[in-house]
Amino acid sequence: MTDRTAYATALDHDTDVLLRAFNARHATKADGLTKAEAARLYDIPERRFRAAVAKLREQGEPIVSWSEEGSTYRMARDAAEAERFIDTELLPRIGHLQRQVRNIRIGIPVRFKVHQERLIG
């Protein structure tokens, strides 16, 4: 399994274990979970951890992570925090990716000396 494949593939076991860990820590108001702790405690390497978190978020779990908290992941404390995470962390990433797509498409004809018609048709 390549690193790329490992990143894209979260094992069901990983998501089950992490969801239990996030919920337990949330219930006790404990700190969140770092990638290093997940590797040490649950034998989930960083790339699989990130993939599992992404999968859980896609399933609707409000897992947040803030750079000011040292890349600690945890359940949102309330709906307002989940919304703040969406507004300050996720939506800016979408805009950044959209700009990259637009600029790559602008650069393709220049870089590869092709006409847009050949790319579309």
PDB file of N, CA and C in Angstrom:
ATOM      1  N   MET A   1       0.848  -1.174   0.000  1.00  0.00           N
ATOM      2  CA  MET A   1       0.000   0.000   0.000  1.00  0.00           C
ATOM      3  C   MET A   1       0.892   1.236   0.000  1.00  0.00           C
ATOM      4  N   THR A   2       0.682   2.123  -0.928  1.00  0.00           N
ATOM      5  CA  THR A   2       1.483   3.338  -0.989  1.00  0.00           C
ATOM      6  C   THR A   2       0.992   4.336   0.047  1.00  0.00           C
ATOM      7  N   ASP A   3       1.818   5.359   0.313  1.00  0.00           N
ATOM      8  CA  ASP A   3       1.399   6.414   1.236  1.00  0.00           C
ATOM      9  C   ASP A   3       0.119   7.066   0.757  1.00  0.00           C
ATOM     10  N   ARG A   4       0.024   7.284  -0.550  1.00  0.00           N
ATOM     11  CA  ARG A   4      -1.155   7.935  -1.115  1.00  0.00           C
ATOM     12  C   ARG A   4      -2.396   7.089  -0.869  1.00  0.00           C
ATOM     13  N   THR A   5      -2.274   5.779  -1.074  1.00  0.00           N
ATOM     14  CA  THR A   5      -3.393   4.884  -0.843  1.00  0.00           C
ATOM     15  C   THR A   5      -3.746   4.850   0.638  1.00  0.00           C
ATOM     16  N   ALA A   6      -2.740   4.802   1.484  1.00  0.00           N
ATOM     17  CA  ALA A   6      -2.978   4.768   2.927  1.00  0.00           C
ATOM     18  C   ALA A   6      -3.706   6.023   3.382  1.00  0.00           C
ATOM     19  N   TYR A   7      -3.372   7.165   2.796  1.00  0.00           N
ATOM     20  CA  TYR A   7      -4.034   8.412   3.176  1.00  0.00           C
ATOM     21  C   TYR A   7      -5.494   8.378   2.760  1.00  0.00           C
ATOM     22  N   ALA A   8      -5.755   7.860   1.573  1.00  0.00           N
ATOM     23  CA  ALA A   8      -7.103   7.877   1.033  1.00  0.00           C
ATOM     24  C   ALA A   8      -7.987   6.797   1.647  1.00  0.00           C
ATOM     25  N   THR A   9      -7.405   5.832   2.333  1.00  0.00           N
ATOM     26  CA  THR A   9      -8.162   4.697   2.826  1.00  0.00           C
ATOM     27  C   THR A   9      -8.148   4.645   4.352  1.00  0.00           C
ATOM     28  N   ALA A  10      -9.301   4.906   4.918  1.00  0.00           N
ATOM     29  CA  ALA A  10      -9.449   4.742   6.361  1.00  0.00           C
ATOM     30  C   ALA A  10     -10.076   3.380   6.597  1.00  0.00           C
ATOM     31  N   LEU A  11      -9.487   2.616   7.462  1.00  0.00           N
ATOM     32  CA  LEU A  11     -10.058   1.310   7.789  1.00  0.00           C
ATOM     33  C   LEU A  11     -11.292   1.504   8.673  1.00  0.00           C
ATOM     34  N   ASP A  12     -12.280   0.633   8.502  1.00  0.00           N
ATOM     35  CA  ASP A  12     -13.478   0.729   9.342  1.00  0.00           C
ATOM     36  C   ASP A  12     -13.103   0.663  10.814  1.00  0.00           C
ATOM     37  N   HIS A  13     -12.126  -0.177  11.110  1.00  0.00           N
ATOM     38  CA  HIS A  13     -11.652  -0.292  12.496  1.00  0.00           C
ATOM     39  C   HIS A  13     -11.152   1.063  13.002  1.00  0.00           C
ATOM     40  N   ASP A  14     -10.428   1.793  12.151  1.00  0.00           N
ATOM     41  CA  ASP A  14      -9.902   3.099  12.550  1.00  0.00           C
ATOM     42  C   ASP A  14     -11.032   4.051  12.911  1.00  0.00           C
ATOM     43  N   THR A  15     -12.045   4.122  12.060  1.00  0.00           N
ATOM     44  CA  THR A  15     -13.135   5.066  12.326  1.00  0.00           C
ATOM     45  C   THR A  15     -13.907   4.653  13.577  1.00  0.00           C
ATOM     46  N   ASP A  16     -14.115   3.358  13.778  1.00  0.00           N
ATOM     47  CA  ASP A  16     -14.823   2.890  14.975  1.00  0.00           C
ATOM     48  C   ASP A  16     -14.045   3.252  16.240  1.00  0.00           C
ATOM     49  N   VAL A  17     -12.756   2.973  16.226  1.00  0.00           N
ATOM     50  CA  VAL A  17     -11.910   3.242  17.395  1.00  0.00           C
ATOM     51  C   VAL A  17     -11.864   4.744  17.680  1.00  0.00           C
ATOM     52  N   LEU A  18     -11.656   5.531  16.648  1.00  0.00           N
ATOM     53  CA  LEU A  18     -11.554   6.975  16.855  1.00  0.00           C
ATOM     54  C   LEU A  18     -12.867   7.582  17.309  1.00  0.00           C
ATOM     55  N   LEU A  19     -13.971   7.133  16.752  1.00  0.00           N
ATOM     56  CA  LEU A  19     -15.262   7.670  17.177  1.00  0.00           C
ATOM     57  C   LEU A  19     -15.497   7.384  18.657  1.00  0.00           C
ATOM     58  N   ARG A  20     -15.185   6.173  19.093  1.00  0.00           N
ATOM     59  CA  ARG A  20     -15.316   5.848  20.526  1.00  0.00           C
ATOM     60  C   ARG A  20     -14.399   6.736  21.366  1.00  0.00           C
ATOM     61  N   ALA A  21     -13.161   6.930  20.902  1.00  0.00           N
ATOM     62  CA  ALA A  21     -12.201   7.747  21.656  1.00  0.00           C
ATOM     63  C   ALA A  21     -12.668   9.203  21.724  1.00  0.00           C
ATOM     64  N   PHE A  22     -13.111   9.754  20.601  1.00  0.00           N
ATOM     65  CA  PHE A  22     -13.590  11.150  20.596  1.00  0.00           C
ATOM     66  C   PHE A  22     -14.798  11.311  21.506  1.00  0.00           C
ATOM     67  N   ASN A  23     -15.734  10.366  21.429  1.00  0.00           N
ATOM     68  CA  ASN A  23     -16.931  10.458  22.270  1.00  0.00           C
ATOM     69  C   ASN A  23     -16.595  10.315  23.749  1.00  0.00           C
ATOM     70  N   ALA A  24     -15.678   9.408  24.093  1.00  0.00           N
ATOM     71  CA  ALA A  24     -15.285   9.229  25.492  1.00  0.00           C
ATOM     72  C   ALA A  24     -14.615  10.482  26.032  1.00  0.00           C
ATOM     73  N   ARG A  25     -13.722  11.066  25.242  1.00  0.00           N
ATOM     74  CA  ARG A  25     -13.032  12.271  25.689  1.00  0.00           C
ATOM     75  C   ARG A  25     -14.004  13.439  25.795  1.00  0.00           C
ATOM     76  N   HIS A  26     -14.957  13.507  24.874  1.00  0.00           N
ATOM     77  CA  HIS A  26     -15.961  14.575  24.906  1.00  0.00           C
ATOM     78  C   HIS A  26     -16.821  14.451  26.165  1.00  0.00           C
ATOM     79  N   ALA A  27     -17.233  13.226  26.482  1.00  0.00           N
ATOM     80  CA  ALA A  27     -18.095  12.995  27.642  1.00  0.00           C
ATOM     81  C   ALA A  27     -17.408  13.372  28.944  1.00  0.00           C
ATOM     82  N   THR A  28     -16.097  13.182  29.008  1.00  0.00           N
ATOM     83  CA  THR A  28     -15.371  13.496  30.239  1.00  0.00           C
ATOM     84  C   THR A  28     -14.735  14.882  30.198  1.00  0.00           C
ATOM     85  N   LYS A  29     -15.003  15.620  29.100  1.00  0.00           N
ATOM     86  CA  LYS A  29     -14.422  16.953  28.896  1.00  0.00           C
ATOM     87  C   LYS A  29     -12.892  16.925  28.907  1.00  0.00           C
ATOM     88  N   ALA A  30     -12.334  15.790  28.495  1.00  0.00           N
ATOM     89  CA  ALA A  30     -10.878  15.646  28.399  1.00  0.00           C
ATOM     90  C   ALA A  30     -10.384  16.361  27.147  1.00  0.00           C
ATOM     91  N   ASP A  31      -9.085  16.526  27.077  1.00  0.00           N
ATOM     92  CA  ASP A  31      -8.491  17.107  25.878  1.00  0.00           C
ATOM     93  C   ASP A  31      -8.760  16.222  24.683  1.00  0.00           C
ATOM     94  N   GLY A  32      -8.532  16.768  23.518  1.00  0.00           N
ATOM     95  CA  GLY A  32      -8.707  16.017  22.282  1.00  0.00           C
ATOM     96  C   GLY A  32      -7.600  15.009  22.075  1.00  0.00           C
ATOM     97  N   LEU A  33      -7.528  14.532  20.859  1.00  0.00           N
ATOM     98  CA  LEU A  33      -6.592  13.480  20.501  1.00  0.00           C
ATOM     99  C   LEU A  33      -5.674  13.994  19.397  1.00  0.00           C
ATOM    100  N   THR A  34      -4.384  13.808  19.572  1.00  0.00           N
ATOM    101  CA  THR A  34      -3.443  14.200  18.527  1.00  0.00           C
ATOM    102  C   THR A  34      -3.142  12.996  17.635  1.00  0.00           C
ATOM    103  N   LYS A  35      -2.559  13.286  16.470  1.00  0.00           N
ATOM    104  CA  LYS A  35      -2.162  12.205  15.557  1.00  0.00           C
ATOM    105  C   LYS A  35      -1.133  11.294  16.223  1.00  0.00           C
ATOM    106  N   ALA A  36      -0.219  11.885  16.979  1.00  0.00           N
ATOM    107  CA  ALA A  36       0.817  11.090  17.654  1.00  0.00           C
ATOM    108  C   ALA A  36       0.196  10.163  18.700  1.00  0.00           C
ATOM    109  N   GLU A  37      -0.789  10.659  19.432  1.00  0.00           N
ATOM    110  CA  GLU A  37      -1.458   9.810  20.427  1.00  0.00           C
ATOM    111  C   GLU A  37      -2.227   8.673  19.750  1.00  0.00           C
ATOM    112  N   ALA A  38      -2.874   8.973  18.630  1.00  0.00           N
ATOM    113  CA  ALA A  38      -3.614   7.934  17.915  1.00  0.00           C
ATOM    114  C   ALA A  38      -2.667   6.832  17.449  1.00  0.00           C
ATOM    115  N   ALA A  39      -1.486   7.232  17.009  1.00  0.00           N
ATOM    116  CA  ALA A  39      -0.497   6.239  16.571  1.00  0.00           C
ATOM    117  C   ALA A  39      -0.033   5.400  17.758  1.00  0.00           C
ATOM    118  N   ARG A  40       0.229   6.055  18.880  1.00  0.00           N
ATOM    119  CA  ARG A  40       0.749   5.359  20.061  1.00  0.00           C
ATOM    120  C   ARG A  40      -0.327   4.506  20.742  1.00  0.00           C
ATOM    121  N   LEU A  41      -1.507   5.069  20.952  1.00  0.00           N
ATOM    122  CA  LEU A  41      -2.552   4.378  21.705  1.00  0.00           C
ATOM    123  C   LEU A  41      -3.335   3.351  20.887  1.00  0.00           C
ATOM    124  N   TYR A  42      -3.542   3.658  19.608  1.00  0.00           N
ATOM    125  CA  TYR A  42      -4.445   2.823  18.806  1.00  0.00           C
ATOM    126  C   TYR A  42      -3.789   2.233  17.561  1.00  0.00           C
ATOM    127  N   ASP A  43      -2.499   2.453  17.404  1.00  0.00           N
ATOM    128  CA  ASP A  43      -1.761   1.924  16.256  1.00  0.00           C
ATOM    129  C   ASP A  43      -2.374   2.387  14.926  1.00  0.00           C
ATOM    130  N   ILE A  44      -2.760   3.676  14.883  1.00  0.00           N
ATOM    131  CA  ILE A  44      -3.312   4.263  13.664  1.00  0.00           C
ATOM    132  C   ILE A  44      -2.307   5.304  13.174  1.00  0.00           C
ATOM    133  N   PRO A  45      -1.595   5.021  12.083  1.00  0.00           N
ATOM    134  CA  PRO A  45      -0.608   5.974  11.560  1.00  0.00           C
ATOM    135  C   PRO A  45      -1.270   7.293  11.148  1.00  0.00           C
ATOM    136  N   GLU A  46      -0.446   8.339  11.065  1.00  0.00           N
ATOM    137  CA  GLU A  46      -0.959   9.685  10.814  1.00  0.00           C
ATOM    138  C   GLU A  46      -1.846   9.776   9.588  1.00  0.00           C
ATOM    139  N   ARG A  47      -1.430   9.228   8.470  1.00  0.00           N
ATOM    140  CA  ARG A  47      -2.229   9.343   7.245  1.00  0.00           C
ATOM    141  C   ARG A  47      -3.579   8.639   7.379  1.00  0.00           C
ATOM    142  N   ARG A  48      -3.594   7.479   8.000  1.00  0.00           N
ATOM    143  CA  ARG A  48      -4.873   6.786   8.214  1.00  0.00           C
ATOM    144  C   ARG A  48      -5.726   7.540   9.219  1.00  0.00           C
ATOM    145  N   PHE A  49      -5.085   8.159  10.218  1.00  0.00           N
ATOM    146  CA  PHE A  49      -5.819   8.967  11.191  1.00  0.00           C
ATOM    147  C   PHE A  49      -6.545  10.101  10.477  1.00  0.00           C
ATOM    148  N   ARG A  50      -5.811  10.822   9.629  1.00  0.00           N
ATOM    149  CA  ARG A  50      -6.416  11.943   8.910  1.00  0.00           C
ATOM    150  C   ARG A  50      -7.535  11.462   7.991  1.00  0.00           C
ATOM    151  N   ALA A  51      -7.330  10.315   7.335  1.00  0.00           N
ATOM    152  CA  ALA A  51      -8.368   9.756   6.463  1.00  0.00           C
ATOM    153  C   ALA A  51      -9.598   9.351   7.281  1.00  0.00           C
ATOM    154  N   ALA A  52      -9.374   8.779   8.454  1.00  0.00           N
ATOM    155  CA  ALA A  52     -10.484   8.362   9.309  1.00  0.00           C
ATOM    156  C   ALA A  52     -11.261   9.581   9.816  1.00  0.00           C
ATOM    157  N   VAL A  53     -10.553  10.643  10.184  1.00  0.00           N
ATOM    158  CA  VAL A  53     -11.224  11.871  10.620  1.00  0.00           C
ATOM    159  C   VAL A  53     -12.065  12.427   9.467  1.00  0.00           C
ATOM    160  N   ALA A  54     -11.494  12.447   8.267  1.00  0.00           N
ATOM    161  CA  ALA A  54     -12.242  12.935   7.101  1.00  0.00           C
ATOM    162  C   ALA A  54     -13.492  12.087   6.871  1.00  0.00           C
ATOM    163  N   LYS A  55     -13.358  10.781   7.002  1.00  0.00           N
ATOM    164  CA  LYS A  55     -14.500   9.880   6.800  1.00  0.00           C
ATOM    165  C   LYS A  55     -15.571  10.142   7.857  1.00  0.00           C
ATOM    166  N   LEU A  56     -15.161  10.317   9.100  1.00  0.00           N
ATOM    167  CA  LEU A  56     -16.124  10.600  10.161  1.00  0.00           C
ATOM    168  C   LEU A  56     -16.836  11.932   9.913  1.00  0.00           C
ATOM    169  N   ARG A  57     -16.086  12.937   9.464  1.00  0.00           N
ATOM    170  CA  ARG A  57     -16.715  14.218   9.139  1.00  0.00           C
ATOM    171  C   ARG A  57     -17.706  14.056   8.004  1.00  0.00           C
ATOM    172  N   GLU A  58     -17.359  13.241   7.000  1.00  0.00           N
ATOM    173  CA  GLU A  58     -18.282  13.000   5.887  1.00  0.00           C
ATOM    174  C   GLU A  58     -19.553  12.299   6.366  1.00  0.00           C
ATOM    175  N   GLN A  59     -19.448  11.577   7.470  1.00  0.00           N
ATOM    176  CA  GLN A  59     -20.610  10.913   8.056  1.00  0.00           C
ATOM    177  C   GLN A  59     -21.388  11.852   8.982  1.00  0.00           C
ATOM    178  N   GLY A  60     -20.908  13.101   9.104  1.00  0.00           N
ATOM    179  CA  GLY A  60     -21.625  14.091   9.890  1.00  0.00           C
ATOM    180  C   GLY A  60     -21.114  14.321  11.297  1.00  0.00           C
ATOM    181  N   GLU A  61     -20.034  13.656  11.668  1.00  0.00           N
ATOM    182  CA  GLU A  61     -19.485  13.844  13.018  1.00  0.00           C
ATOM    183  C   GLU A  61     -18.783  15.203  13.094  1.00  0.00           C
ATOM    184  N   PRO A  62     -19.123  16.030  14.084  1.00  0.00           N
ATOM    185  CA  PRO A  62     -18.544  17.377  14.187  1.00  0.00           C
ATOM    186  C   PRO A  62     -17.166  17.386  14.862  1.00  0.00           C
ATOM    187  N   ILE A  63     -16.208  16.776  14.198  1.00  0.00           N
ATOM    188  CA  ILE A  63     -14.840  16.726  14.732  1.00  0.00           C
ATOM    189  C   ILE A  63     -14.123  17.986  14.292  1.00  0.00           C
ATOM    190  N   VAL A  64     -13.590  18.700  15.253  1.00  0.00           N
ATOM    191  CA  VAL A  64     -12.901  19.955  14.966  1.00  0.00           C
ATOM    192  C   VAL A  64     -11.423  19.820  15.298  1.00  0.00           C
ATOM    193  N   SER A  65     -10.638  20.686  14.693  1.00  0.00           N
ATOM    194  CA  SER A  65      -9.214  20.782  15.028  1.00  0.00           C
ATOM    195  C   SER A  65      -8.803  22.217  14.767  1.00  0.00           C
ATOM    196  N   TRP A  66      -8.080  22.760  15.708  1.00  0.00           N
ATOM    197  CA  TRP A  66      -7.670  24.159  15.636  1.00  0.00           C
ATOM    198  C   TRP A  66      -6.157  24.222  15.749  1.00  0.00           C
ATOM    199  N   SER A  67      -5.541  24.988  14.883  1.00  0.00           N
ATOM    200  CA  SER A  67      -4.078  25.087  14.914  1.00  0.00           C
ATOM    201  C   SER A  67      -3.596  25.644  16.254  1.00  0.00           C
ATOM    202  N   GLU A  68      -4.369  26.523  16.871  1.00  0.00           N
ATOM    203  CA  GLU A  68      -3.943  27.075  18.165  1.00  0.00           C
ATOM    204  C   GLU A  68      -3.995  26.048  19.295  1.00  0.00           C
ATOM    205  N   GLU A  69      -4.635  24.918  19.051  1.00  0.00           N
ATOM    206  CA  GLU A  69      -4.668  23.851  20.052  1.00  0.00           C
ATOM    207  C   GLU A  69      -3.621  22.783  19.762  1.00  0.00           C
ATOM    208  N   GLY A  70      -2.671  23.082  18.888  1.00  0.00           N
ATOM    209  CA  GLY A  70      -1.596  22.143  18.600  1.00  0.00           C
ATOM    210  C   GLY A  70      -2.035  20.937  17.796  1.00  0.00           C
ATOM    211  N   SER A  71      -2.923  21.148  16.845  1.00  0.00           N
ATOM    212  CA  SER A  71      -3.415  20.062  15.982  1.00  0.00           C
ATOM    213  C   SER A  71      -4.052  18.932  16.776  1.00  0.00           C
ATOM    214  N   THR A  72      -4.796  19.291  17.786  1.00  0.00           N
ATOM    215  CA  THR A  72      -5.561  18.329  18.561  1.00  0.00           C
ATOM    216  C   THR A  72      -6.951  18.220  17.945  1.00  0.00           C
ATOM    217  N   TYR A  73      -7.424  17.006  17.778  1.00  0.00           N
ATOM    218  CA  TYR A  73      -8.738  16.763  17.197  1.00  0.00           C
ATOM    219  C   TYR A  73      -9.695  16.362  18.306  1.00  0.00           C
ATOM    220  N   ARG A  74     -10.940  16.846  18.222  1.00  0.00           N
ATOM    221  CA  ARG A  74     -11.936  16.502  19.232  1.00  0.00           C
ATOM    222  C   ARG A  74     -13.323  16.793  18.691  1.00  0.00           C
ATOM    223  N   MET A  75     -14.323  16.319  19.410  1.00  0.00           N
ATOM    224  CA  MET A  75     -15.702  16.641  19.066  1.00  0.00           C
ATOM    225  C   MET A  75     -15.937  18.117  19.402  1.00  0.00           C
ATOM    226  N   ALA A  76     -16.717  18.781  18.564  1.00  0.00           N
ATOM    227  CA  ALA A  76     -17.091  20.161  18.858  1.00  0.00           C
ATOM    228  C   ALA A  76     -17.830  20.194  20.194  1.00  0.00           C
ATOM    229  N   ARG A  77     -17.621  21.252  20.948  1.00  0.00           N
ATOM    230  CA  ARG A  77     -18.282  21.370  22.253  1.00  0.00           C
ATOM    231  C   ARG A  77     -19.767  21.663  22.109  1.00  0.00           C
ATOM    232  N   ASP A  78     -20.119  22.372  21.018  1.00  0.00           N
ATOM    233  CA  ASP A  78     -21.522  22.707  20.768  1.00  0.00           C
ATOM    234  C   ASP A  78     -21.692  23.059  19.295  1.00  0.00           C
ATOM    235  N   ALA A  79     -22.925  23.329  18.904  1.00  0.00           N
ATOM    236  CA  ALA A  79     -23.228  23.628  17.501  1.00  0.00           C
ATOM    237  C   ALA A  79     -22.498  24.878  17.022  1.00  0.00           C
ATOM    238  N   ALA A  80     -22.390  25.872  17.880  1.00  0.00           N
ATOM    239  CA  ALA A  80     -21.714  27.115  17.487  1.00  0.00           C
ATOM    240  C   ALA A  80     -20.247  26.864  17.161  1.00  0.00           C
ATOM    241  N   GLU A  81     -19.594  26.009  17.936  1.00  0.00           N
ATOM    242  CA  GLU A  81     -18.196  25.697  17.652  1.00  0.00           C
ATOM    243  C   GLU A  81     -18.057  24.915  16.355  1.00  0.00           C
ATOM    244  N   ALA A  82     -18.982  24.017  16.087  1.00  0.00           N
ATOM    245  CA  ALA A  82     -18.949  23.269  14.829  1.00  0.00           C
ATOM    246  C   ALA A  82     -19.099  24.226  13.651  1.00  0.00           C
ATOM    247  N   GLU A  83     -20.003  25.183  13.752  1.00  0.00           N
ATOM    248  CA  GLU A  83     -20.187  26.181  12.693  1.00  0.00           C
ATOM    249  C   GLU A  83     -18.949  27.054  12.528  1.00  0.00           C
ATOM    250  N   ARG A  84     -18.336  27.435  13.648  1.00  0.00           N
ATOM    251  CA  ARG A  84     -17.115  28.252  13.581  1.00  0.00           C
ATOM    252  C   ARG A  84     -16.000  27.481  12.873  1.00  0.00           C
ATOM    253  N   PHE A  85     -15.889  26.181  13.149  1.00  0.00           N
ATOM    254  CA  PHE A  85     -14.894  25.343  12.482  1.00  0.00           C
ATOM    255  C   PHE A  85     -15.144  25.320  10.977  1.00  0.00           C
ATOM    256  N   ILE A  86     -16.385  25.135  10.589  1.00  0.00           N
ATOM    257  CA  ILE A  86     -16.724  25.138   9.162  1.00  0.00           C
ATOM    258  C   ILE A  86     -16.320  26.458   8.529  1.00  0.00           C
ATOM    259  N   ASP A  87     -16.694  27.566   9.174  1.00  0.00           N
ATOM    260  CA  ASP A  87     -16.434  28.903   8.615  1.00  0.00           C
ATOM    261  C   ASP A  87     -14.957  29.268   8.578  1.00  0.00           C
ATOM    262  N   THR A  88     -14.207  28.882   9.591  1.00  0.00           N
ATOM    263  CA  THR A  88     -12.814  29.334   9.666  1.00  0.00           C
ATOM    264  C   THR A  88     -11.800  28.334   9.135  1.00  0.00           C
ATOM    265  N   GLU A  89     -12.164  27.061   9.078  1.00  0.00           N
ATOM    266  CA  GLU A  89     -11.205  26.038   8.648  1.00  0.00           C
ATOM    267  C   GLU A  89     -11.577  25.398   7.301  1.00  0.00           C
ATOM    268  N   LEU A  90     -12.806  24.962   7.152  1.00  0.00           N
ATOM    269  CA  LEU A  90     -13.177  24.201   5.949  1.00  0.00           C
ATOM    270  C   LEU A  90     -13.471  25.085   4.738  1.00  0.00           C
ATOM    271  N   LEU A  91     -14.293  26.100   4.913  1.00  0.00           N
ATOM    272  CA  LEU A  91     -14.649  26.942   3.767  1.00  0.00           C
ATOM    273  C   LEU A  91     -13.440  27.646   3.139  1.00  0.00           C
ATOM    274  N   PRO A  92     -12.482  28.147   3.926  1.00  0.00           N
ATOM    275  CA  PRO A  92     -11.295  28.730   3.287  1.00  0.00           C
ATOM    276  C   PRO A  92     -10.497  27.709   2.456  1.00  0.00           C
ATOM    277  N   ARG A  93     -10.463  26.457   2.871  1.00  0.00           N
ATOM    278  CA  ARG A  93      -9.768  25.419   2.088  1.00  0.00           C
ATOM    279  C   ARG A  93     -10.443  25.225   0.740  1.00  0.00           C
ATOM    280  N   ILE A  94     -11.769  25.258   0.731  1.00  0.00           N
ATOM    281  CA  ILE A  94     -12.508  25.105  -0.526  1.00  0.00           C
ATOM    282  C   ILE A  94     -12.135  26.231  -1.478  1.00  0.00           C
ATOM    283  N   GLY A  95     -12.115  27.462  -0.987  1.00  0.00           N
ATOM    284  CA  GLY A  95     -11.746  28.604  -1.824  1.00  0.00           C
ATOM    285  C   GLY A  95     -10.329  28.478  -2.354  1.00  0.00           C
ATOM    286  N   HIS A  96      -9.437  28.029  -1.505  1.00  0.00           N
ATOM    287  CA  HIS A  96      -8.036  27.857  -1.906  1.00  0.00           C
ATOM    288  C   HIS A  96      -7.931  26.812  -3.024  1.00  0.00           C
ATOM    289  N   LEU A  97      -8.632  25.706  -2.883  1.00  0.00           N
ATOM    290  CA  LEU A  97      -8.610  24.671  -3.919  1.00  0.00           C
ATOM    291  C   LEU A  97      -9.248  25.166  -5.217  1.00  0.00           C
ATOM    292  N   GLN A  98     -10.318  25.939  -5.121  1.00  0.00           N
ATOM    293  CA  GLN A  98     -10.944  26.484  -6.327  1.00  0.00           C
ATOM    294  C   GLN A  98      -9.981  27.401  -7.077  1.00  0.00           C
ATOM    295  N   ARG A  99      -9.228  28.201  -6.347  1.00  0.00           N
ATOM    296  CA  ARG A  99      -8.239  29.075  -6.984  1.00  0.00           C
ATOM    297  C   ARG A  99      -7.151  28.250  -7.665  1.00  0.00           C
ATOM    298  N   GLN A 100      -6.713  27.179  -7.030  1.00  0.00           N
ATOM    299  CA  GLN A 100      -5.702  26.314  -7.647  1.00  0.00           C
ATOM    300  C   GLN A 100      -6.222  25.703  -8.941  1.00  0.00           C
ATOM    301  N   VAL A 101      -7.442  25.207  -8.916  1.00  0.00           N
ATOM    302  CA  VAL A 101      -8.031  24.608 -10.122  1.00  0.00           C
ATOM    303  C   VAL A 101      -8.097  25.645 -11.236  1.00  0.00           C
ATOM    304  N   ARG A 102      -8.609  26.822 -10.923  1.00  0.00           N
ATOM    305  CA  ARG A 102      -8.720  27.875 -11.928  1.00  0.00           C
ATOM    306  C   ARG A 102      -7.360  28.223 -12.510  1.00  0.00           C
ATOM    307  N   ASN A 103      -6.375  28.405 -11.671  1.00  0.00           N
ATOM    308  CA  ASN A 103      -5.054  28.814 -12.155  1.00  0.00           C
ATOM    309  C   ASN A 103      -4.327  27.715 -12.921  1.00  0.00           C
ATOM    310  N   ILE A 104      -4.519  26.481 -12.526  1.00  0.00           N
ATOM    311  CA  ILE A 104      -3.923  25.377 -13.295  1.00  0.00           C
ATOM    312  C   ILE A 104      -4.555  25.338 -14.684  1.00  0.00           C
ATOM    313  N   ARG A 105      -5.872  25.482 -14.733  1.00  0.00           N
ATOM    314  CA  ARG A 105      -6.540  25.467 -16.040  1.00  0.00           C
ATOM    315  C   ARG A 105      -6.075  26.625 -16.919  1.00  0.00           C
ATOM    316  N   ILE A 106      -5.831  27.767 -16.337  1.00  0.00           N
ATOM    317  CA  ILE A 106      -5.308  28.904 -17.086  1.00  0.00           C
ATOM    318  C   ILE A 106      -3.900  28.595 -17.582  1.00  0.00           C
ATOM    319  N   GLY A 107      -3.109  27.909 -16.757  1.00  0.00           N
ATOM    320  CA  GLY A 107      -1.721  27.621 -17.093  1.00  0.00           C
ATOM    321  C   GLY A 107      -1.503  26.460 -18.049  1.00  0.00           C
ATOM    322  N   ILE A 108      -2.482  25.584 -18.191  1.00  0.00           N
ATOM    323  CA  ILE A 108      -2.309  24.403 -19.061  1.00  0.00           C
ATOM    324  C   ILE A 108      -1.933  24.784 -20.483  1.00  0.00           C
ATOM    325  N   PRO A 109      -2.676  25.683 -21.146  1.00  0.00           N
ATOM    326  CA  PRO A 109      -2.312  25.998 -22.531  1.00  0.00           C
ATOM    327  C   PRO A 109      -0.917  26.600 -22.661  1.00  0.00           C
ATOM    328  N   VAL A 110      -0.522  27.387 -21.674  1.00  0.00           N
ATOM    329  CA  VAL A 110       0.794  28.004 -21.709  1.00  0.00           C
ATOM    330  C   VAL A 110       1.880  26.953 -21.513  1.00  0.00           C
ATOM    331  N   ARG A 111       1.717  26.125 -20.524  1.00  0.00           N
ATOM    332  CA  ARG A 111       2.719  25.119 -20.169  1.00  0.00           C
ATOM    333  C   ARG A 111       2.869  24.047 -21.242  1.00  0.00           C
ATOM    334  N   PHE A 112       1.757  23.594 -21.769  1.00  0.00           N
ATOM    335  CA  PHE A 112       1.791  22.464 -22.696  1.00  0.00           C
ATOM    336  C   PHE A 112       1.549  22.869 -24.146  1.00  0.00           C
ATOM    337  N   LYS A 113       1.426  24.172 -24.361  1.00  0.00           N
ATOM    338  CA  LYS A 113       1.251  24.719 -25.709  1.00  0.00           C
ATOM    339  C   LYS A 113       0.128  24.010 -26.468  1.00  0.00           C
ATOM    340  N   VAL A 114      -0.998  23.900 -25.817  1.00  0.00           N
ATOM    341  CA  VAL A 114      -2.185  23.330 -26.446  1.00  0.00           C
ATOM    342  C   VAL A 114      -3.286  24.379 -26.452  1.00  0.00           C
ATOM    343  N   HIS A 115      -4.237  24.210 -27.318  1.00  0.00           N
ATOM    344  CA  HIS A 115      -5.376  25.111 -27.384  1.00  0.00           C
ATOM    345  C   HIS A 115      -6.485  24.572 -26.492  1.00  0.00           C
ATOM    346  N   GLN A 116      -7.253  25.460 -25.891  1.00  0.00           N
ATOM    347  CA  GLN A 116      -8.344  25.055 -25.003  1.00  0.00           C
ATOM    348  C   GLN A 116      -9.297  24.083 -25.690  1.00  0.00           C
ATOM    349  N   GLU A 117      -9.535  24.253 -27.005  1.00  0.00           N
ATOM    350  CA  GLU A 117     -10.481  23.373 -27.710  1.00  0.00           C
ATOM    351  C   GLU A 117     -10.045  21.917 -27.591  1.00  0.00           C
ATOM    352  N   ARG A 118      -8.737  21.654 -27.665  1.00  0.00           N
ATOM    353  CA  ARG A 118      -8.242  20.273 -27.558  1.00  0.00           C
ATOM    354  C   ARG A 118      -8.478  19.705 -26.182  1.00  0.00           C
ATOM    355  N   LEU A 119      -8.453  20.574 -25.164  1.00  0.00           N
ATOM    356  CA  LEU A 119      -8.667  20.108 -23.793  1.00  0.00           C
ATOM    357  C   LEU A 119     -10.142  19.785 -23.541  1.00  0.00           C
ATOM    358  N   ILE A 120     -11.015  20.578 -24.106  1.00  0.00           N
ATOM    359  CA  ILE A 120     -12.450  20.421 -23.870  1.00  0.00           C
ATOM    360  C   ILE A 120     -13.024  19.300 -24.725  1.00  0.00           C
ATOM    361  N   GLY A 121     -12.671  19.302 -26.006  1.00  0.00           N
ATOM    362  CA  GLY A 121     -13.279  18.379 -26.974  1.00  0.00           C
ATOM    363  C   GLY A 121     -12.771  17.019 -26.877  1.00  0.00           C
TER     364      GLY A 121
END
